[in-house]
Amino acid sequence: MDHISRVLPGVLQKRGLAAHAHAALAIHRTRDWLTAHHKTLLPYLIPRSVVDGTLTIEFSHPAAAQESQSHIPALLSFLSEQCPLAAVKAIRLVRSESTRK
């Protein structure tokens, strides 16, 4: 019997879902990293998507975006180690739609 870790990547690739799965893993790992390193900013930063190597994180408070700017290189390094197949090369901070006036 095949182990799921051997079967799953092939099935995801065949169905065209491998990139989506890697992006979802990158978003999950980003949440983990934010929880471990910036618990106070966690309510204001929401990882949303990975498209063309760019991780988009929404922020609901400008101070959270400003504070997180200096930590982007560390997060990029973490993501390159934890989920290299997601190929996150940049992080973009965007203001949340719900906070725009």
C-alpha atoms as a PDB file:
ATOM      1  CA  MET A   1       0.000   0.000   0.000  1.00  0.00           C
ATOM      2  CA  ASP A   2       1.272   3.469  -0.878  1.00  0.00           C
ATOM      3  CA  HIS A   3       1.774   6.067   1.801  1.00  0.00           C
ATOM      4  CA  ILE A   4      -0.270   9.260   1.366  1.00  0.00           C
ATOM      5  CA  SER A   5       2.882  11.403   1.313  1.00  0.00           C
ATOM      6  CA  ARG A   6       3.882   9.629  -1.892  1.00  0.00           C
ATOM      7  CA  VAL A   7       0.461   9.704  -3.531  1.00  0.00           C
ATOM      8  CA  LEU A   8      -0.788  13.189  -2.644  1.00  0.00           C
ATOM      9  CA  PRO A   9       1.795  15.288  -4.548  1.00  0.00           C
ATOM     10  CA  GLY A  10       1.105  13.383  -7.754  1.00  0.00           C
ATOM     11  CA  VAL A  11      -2.652  13.738  -7.395  1.00  0.00           C
ATOM     12  CA  LEU A  12      -2.396  17.460  -6.667  1.00  0.00           C
ATOM     13  CA  GLN A  13      -0.120  17.954  -9.668  1.00  0.00           C
ATOM     14  CA  LYS A  14      -2.374  15.935 -11.947  1.00  0.00           C
ATOM     15  CA  ARG A  15      -5.446  17.934 -10.925  1.00  0.00           C
ATOM     16  CA  GLY A  16      -3.671  21.271 -11.177  1.00  0.00           C
ATOM     17  CA  LEU A  17      -3.914  21.971  -7.464  1.00  0.00           C
ATOM     18  CA  ALA A  18      -0.258  21.775  -6.434  1.00  0.00           C
ATOM     19  CA  ALA A  19       0.303  25.542  -6.609  1.00  0.00           C
ATOM     20  CA  HIS A  20      -2.843  26.166  -4.547  1.00  0.00           C
ATOM     21  CA  ALA A  21      -1.716  23.674  -1.909  1.00  0.00           C
ATOM     22  CA  HIS A  22       1.742  25.254  -1.669  1.00  0.00           C
ATOM     23  CA  ALA A  23       0.195  28.722  -1.387  1.00  0.00           C
ATOM     24  CA  ALA A  24      -2.126  27.531   1.376  1.00  0.00           C
ATOM     25  CA  LEU A  25       0.848  26.074   3.246  1.00  0.00           C
ATOM     26  CA  ALA A  26       2.710  29.395   2.946  1.00  0.00           C
ATOM     27  CA  ILE A  27      -0.290  31.259   4.355  1.00  0.00           C
ATOM     28  CA  HIS A  28      -0.588  28.788   7.226  1.00  0.00           C
ATOM     29  CA  ARG A  29       3.137  29.065   8.024  1.00  0.00           C
ATOM     30  CA  THR A  30       2.888  32.860   7.888  1.00  0.00           C
ATOM     31  CA  ARG A  31       0.138  32.771  10.516  1.00  0.00           C
ATOM     32  CA  ASP A  32       2.317  30.482  12.643  1.00  0.00           C
ATOM     33  CA  TRP A  33       5.277  32.855  12.298  1.00  0.00           C
ATOM     34  CA  LEU A  34       3.181  35.892  13.189  1.00  0.00           C
ATOM     35  CA  THR A  35       1.800  34.073  16.228  1.00  0.00           C
ATOM     36  CA  ALA A  36       5.296  33.135  17.403  1.00  0.00           C
ATOM     37  CA  HIS A  37       7.010  36.458  16.729  1.00  0.00           C
ATOM     38  CA  HIS A  38       4.371  39.198  16.748  1.00  0.00           C
ATOM     39  CA  LYS A  39       1.411  38.074  18.790  1.00  0.00           C
ATOM     40  CA  THR A  40       0.378  41.676  19.465  1.00  0.00           C
ATOM     41  CA  LEU A  41       0.152  42.413  15.727  1.00  0.00           C
ATOM     42  CA  LEU A  42      -1.744  39.225  14.878  1.00  0.00           C
ATOM     43  CA  PRO A  43      -5.242  40.769  15.120  1.00  0.00           C
ATOM     44  CA  TYR A  44      -4.236  43.456  12.614  1.00  0.00           C
ATOM     45  CA  LEU A  45      -2.380  41.346  10.014  1.00  0.00           C
ATOM     46  CA  ILE A  46      -4.142  38.738   7.885  1.00  0.00           C
ATOM     47  CA  PRO A  47      -2.217  36.677   5.307  1.00  0.00           C
ATOM     48  CA  ARG A  48      -4.521  36.372   2.292  1.00  0.00           C
ATOM     49  CA  SER A  49      -2.910  34.943  -0.846  1.00  0.00           C
ATOM     50  CA  VAL A  50       0.206  33.957  -2.741  1.00  0.00           C
ATOM     51  CA  VAL A  51       0.122  34.953  -6.400  1.00  0.00           C
ATOM     52  CA  ASP A  52       3.143  34.921  -8.719  1.00  0.00           C
ATOM     53  CA  GLY A  53       5.552  34.624  -5.791  1.00  0.00           C
ATOM     54  CA  THR A  54       4.059  37.522  -3.834  1.00  0.00           C
ATOM     55  CA  LEU A  55       2.468  36.933  -0.441  1.00  0.00           C
ATOM     56  CA  THR A  56      -0.272  39.467   0.250  1.00  0.00           C
ATOM     57  CA  ILE A  57      -0.940  40.391   3.866  1.00  0.00           C
ATOM     58  CA  GLU A  58      -3.867  42.666   4.688  1.00  0.00           C
ATOM     59  CA  PHE A  59      -3.554  45.082   7.569  1.00  0.00           C
ATOM     60  CA  SER A  60      -6.363  46.784   9.430  1.00  0.00           C
ATOM     61  CA  HIS A  61      -4.246  49.336  11.276  1.00  0.00           C
ATOM     62  CA  PRO A  62      -1.467  51.459   9.748  1.00  0.00           C
ATOM     63  CA  ALA A  63       0.747  51.121  12.823  1.00  0.00           C
ATOM     64  CA  ALA A  64       0.736  47.332  12.406  1.00  0.00           C
ATOM     65  CA  ALA A  65       1.854  47.692   8.785  1.00  0.00           C
ATOM     66  CA  GLN A  66       4.618  50.085   9.755  1.00  0.00           C
ATOM     67  CA  GLU A  67       5.806  47.837  12.577  1.00  0.00           C
ATOM     68  CA  SER A  68       5.813  44.729  10.378  1.00  0.00           C
ATOM     69  CA  GLN A  69       7.838  46.333   7.543  1.00  0.00           C
ATOM     70  CA  SER A  70      11.130  45.722   9.332  1.00  0.00           C
ATOM     71  CA  HIS A  71      10.301  42.042   9.857  1.00  0.00           C
ATOM     72  CA  ILE A  72       9.595  41.184   6.213  1.00  0.00           C
ATOM     73  CA  PRO A  73      13.136  39.860   5.495  1.00  0.00           C
ATOM     74  CA  ALA A  74      12.929  37.479   8.464  1.00  0.00           C
ATOM     75  CA  LEU A  75       9.525  36.222   7.344  1.00  0.00           C
ATOM     76  CA  LEU A  76      10.776  35.709   3.785  1.00  0.00           C
ATOM     77  CA  SER A  77      13.719  33.703   5.095  1.00  0.00           C
ATOM     78  CA  PHE A  78      11.400  31.608   7.255  1.00  0.00           C
ATOM     79  CA  LEU A  79       9.074  30.889   4.326  1.00  0.00           C
ATOM     80  CA  SER A  80      11.933  29.922   2.018  1.00  0.00           C
ATOM     81  CA  GLU A  81      13.002  27.314   4.594  1.00  0.00           C
ATOM     82  CA  GLN A  82       9.562  26.047   5.603  1.00  0.00           C
ATOM     83  CA  CYS A  83       7.794  25.951   2.238  1.00  0.00           C
ATOM     84  CA  PRO A  84      10.271  26.317  -0.626  1.00  0.00           C
ATOM     85  CA  LEU A  85       7.788  25.003  -3.195  1.00  0.00           C
ATOM     86  CA  ALA A  86       5.544  28.034  -2.617  1.00  0.00           C
ATOM     87  CA  ALA A  87       8.404  30.212  -3.950  1.00  0.00           C
ATOM     88  CA  VAL A  88       7.470  33.349  -2.016  1.00  0.00           C
ATOM     89  CA  LYS A  89       9.833  36.051  -3.262  1.00  0.00           C
ATOM     90  CA  ALA A  90       8.096  39.179  -1.993  1.00  0.00           C
ATOM     91  CA  ILE A  91       5.588  40.304   0.606  1.00  0.00           C
ATOM     92  CA  ARG A  92       3.053  43.020  -0.097  1.00  0.00           C
ATOM     93  CA  LEU A  93       1.090  44.749   2.645  1.00  0.00           C
ATOM     94  CA  VAL A  94      -2.305  46.086   1.603  1.00  0.00           C
ATOM     95  CA  ARG A  95      -4.925  47.907   3.591  1.00  0.00           C
ATOM     96  CA  SER A  96      -7.989  45.843   4.424  1.00  0.00           C
ATOM     97  CA  GLU A  97     -11.100  46.757   2.454  1.00  0.00           C
ATOM     98  CA  SER A  98     -13.166  46.889   5.639  1.00  0.00           C
ATOM     99  CA  THR A  99     -11.021  49.705   7.060  1.00  0.00           C
ATOM    100  CA  ARG A 100     -11.008  51.919   3.980  1.00  0.00           C
ATOM    101  CA  LYS A 101     -13.270  54.930   4.064  1.00  0.00           C
END
